[in-house]
Amino acid sequence: MECRVLQKRKCEITQYYTNSHSALDLVGANYTLDNIIAHSNGKIIEIQDGLGNMKGSVGKLAYGNFIRIEHNDGYQTLYAHM
């Protein structure tokens, strides 16, 4: 499928948004790795680096490595589990 947040612009959804999972999990086309790119301009407002995805963690620790971007329209995007 088309994907604006991966460099090659193709992705697969590995886990959909549900009541118990408030996010989409993506991987590159055919389950390959790809570089993440911001879907629109903005500024980085938060980074967590150097952490793996620690099973059973809560809060921000559950995101592992992440980056939060505030876009020019005021919306924010969290790119997590990187």
C-alpha atoms as a PDB file:
ATOM      1  CA  MET A   1       0.000   0.000   0.000  1.00  0.00           C
ATOM      2  CA  GLU A   2       1.065   3.644  -0.394  1.00  0.00           C
ATOM      3  CA  CYS A   3       2.739   5.078   2.683  1.00  0.00           C
ATOM      4  CA  ARG A   4       3.819   8.717   3.261  1.00  0.00           C
ATOM      5  CA  VAL A   5       5.998   8.008   6.297  1.00  0.00           C
ATOM      6  CA  LEU A   6       8.450   5.539   4.769  1.00  0.00           C
ATOM      7  CA  GLN A   7      11.136   6.601   2.315  1.00  0.00           C
ATOM      8  CA  LYS A   8      10.256   4.011  -0.351  1.00  0.00           C
ATOM      9  CA  ARG A   9       6.562   5.009  -0.011  1.00  0.00           C
ATOM     10  CA  LYS A  10       5.330   1.393   0.283  1.00  0.00           C
ATOM     11  CA  CYS A  11       4.323  -0.355   3.514  1.00  0.00           C
ATOM     12  CA  GLU A  12       2.388  -3.134   5.188  1.00  0.00           C
ATOM     13  CA  ILE A  13       0.282  -2.656   8.322  1.00  0.00           C
ATOM     14  CA  THR A  14       1.301  -5.239  10.915  1.00  0.00           C
ATOM     15  CA  GLN A  15      -1.169  -4.122  13.594  1.00  0.00           C
ATOM     16  CA  TYR A  16      -4.246  -1.942  13.156  1.00  0.00           C
ATOM     17  CA  TYR A  17      -5.741   0.726  15.424  1.00  0.00           C
ATOM     18  CA  THR A  18      -8.149  -0.834  17.950  1.00  0.00           C
ATOM     19  CA  ASN A  19      -9.645  -0.020  21.352  1.00  0.00           C
ATOM     20  CA  SER A  20      -6.649  -1.715  22.993  1.00  0.00           C
ATOM     21  CA  HIS A  21      -3.956  -0.541  20.529  1.00  0.00           C
ATOM     22  CA  SER A  22      -4.152   3.185  19.770  1.00  0.00           C
ATOM     23  CA  ALA A  23      -1.686   3.213  16.870  1.00  0.00           C
ATOM     24  CA  LEU A  24      -0.818   1.692  13.514  1.00  0.00           C
ATOM     25  CA  ASP A  25       2.266  -0.516  13.301  1.00  0.00           C
ATOM     26  CA  LEU A  26       4.030  -0.369   9.933  1.00  0.00           C
ATOM     27  CA  VAL A  27       6.857  -2.140   8.174  1.00  0.00           C
ATOM     28  CA  GLY A  28       8.217  -1.677   4.652  1.00  0.00           C
ATOM     29  CA  ALA A  29       6.651  -3.428   1.667  1.00  0.00           C
ATOM     30  CA  ASN A  30       6.956  -7.217   1.828  1.00  0.00           C
ATOM     31  CA  TYR A  31       7.942  -6.887   5.505  1.00  0.00           C
ATOM     32  CA  THR A  32      11.260  -5.148   4.826  1.00  0.00           C
ATOM     33  CA  LEU A  33      12.972  -2.362   6.769  1.00  0.00           C
ATOM     34  CA  ASP A  34      12.805   1.208   5.469  1.00  0.00           C
ATOM     35  CA  ASN A  35      13.747   4.703   6.628  1.00  0.00           C
ATOM     36  CA  ILE A  36      11.103   6.750   8.420  1.00  0.00           C
ATOM     37  CA  ILE A  37      10.362  10.258   7.151  1.00  0.00           C
ATOM     38  CA  ALA A  38       8.020  12.898   8.585  1.00  0.00           C
ATOM     39  CA  HIS A  39       4.738  13.127   6.708  1.00  0.00           C
ATOM     40  CA  SER A  40       4.870  16.946   6.778  1.00  0.00           C
ATOM     41  CA  ASN A  41       7.084  19.820   7.965  1.00  0.00           C
ATOM     42  CA  GLY A  42       7.494  20.548  11.652  1.00  0.00           C
ATOM     43  CA  LYS A  43       9.977  20.650  14.492  1.00  0.00           C
ATOM     44  CA  ILE A  44      11.233  17.910  16.778  1.00  0.00           C
ATOM     45  CA  ILE A  45       9.910  18.513  20.283  1.00  0.00           C
ATOM     46  CA  GLU A  46      10.861  15.259  22.017  1.00  0.00           C
ATOM     47  CA  ILE A  47      13.285  12.375  21.488  1.00  0.00           C
ATOM     48  CA  GLN A  48      13.874   9.168  23.423  1.00  0.00           C
ATOM     49  CA  ASP A  49      16.946   7.319  22.234  1.00  0.00           C
ATOM     50  CA  GLY A  50      18.942   4.290  23.310  1.00  0.00           C
ATOM     51  CA  LEU A  51      16.060   2.189  24.601  1.00  0.00           C
ATOM     52  CA  GLY A  52      14.807  -1.062  23.193  1.00  0.00           C
ATOM     53  CA  ASN A  53      11.124  -1.954  23.179  1.00  0.00           C
ATOM     54  CA  MET A  54      10.829  -3.262  26.721  1.00  0.00           C
ATOM     55  CA  LYS A  55       7.890  -5.657  26.957  1.00  0.00           C
ATOM     56  CA  GLY A  56       5.604  -4.811  29.854  1.00  0.00           C
ATOM     57  CA  SER A  57       6.805  -1.207  30.128  1.00  0.00           C
ATOM     58  CA  VAL A  58       4.299   1.586  30.636  1.00  0.00           C
ATOM     59  CA  GLY A  59       4.244   5.240  29.673  1.00  0.00           C
ATOM     60  CA  LYS A  60       6.984   6.566  27.420  1.00  0.00           C
ATOM     61  CA  LEU A  61       9.257   3.591  28.151  1.00  0.00           C
ATOM     62  CA  ALA A  62       6.807   1.385  26.246  1.00  0.00           C
ATOM     63  CA  TYR A  63       7.612   3.335  23.055  1.00  0.00           C
ATOM     64  CA  GLY A  64      11.299   2.350  23.048  1.00  0.00           C
ATOM     65  CA  ASN A  65      13.145   4.754  20.734  1.00  0.00           C
ATOM     66  CA  PHE A  66      10.793   7.491  19.559  1.00  0.00           C
ATOM     67  CA  ILE A  67      10.555  10.992  18.173  1.00  0.00           C
ATOM     68  CA  ARG A  68       7.663  13.448  18.509  1.00  0.00           C
ATOM     69  CA  ILE A  69       7.205  16.154  15.863  1.00  0.00           C
ATOM     70  CA  GLU A  70       4.976  19.218  16.144  1.00  0.00           C
ATOM     71  CA  HIS A  71       3.767  20.107  12.665  1.00  0.00           C
ATOM     72  CA  ASN A  72       3.130  23.607  11.357  1.00  0.00           C
ATOM     73  CA  ASP A  73      -0.647  23.138  11.741  1.00  0.00           C
ATOM     74  CA  GLY A  74      -0.292  22.438  15.484  1.00  0.00           C
ATOM     75  CA  TYR A  75      -0.818  18.670  15.259  1.00  0.00           C
ATOM     76  CA  GLN A  76       1.798  16.315  16.650  1.00  0.00           C
ATOM     77  CA  THR A  77       3.000  12.961  15.341  1.00  0.00           C
ATOM     78  CA  LEU A  78       4.712  10.336  17.454  1.00  0.00           C
ATOM     79  CA  TYR A  79       6.984   7.907  15.602  1.00  0.00           C
ATOM     80  CA  ALA A  80       7.661   5.109  18.089  1.00  0.00           C
ATOM     81  CA  HIS A  81       9.196   1.617  18.316  1.00  0.00           C
ATOM     82  CA  MET A  82      11.974   2.646  15.942  1.00  0.00           C
END
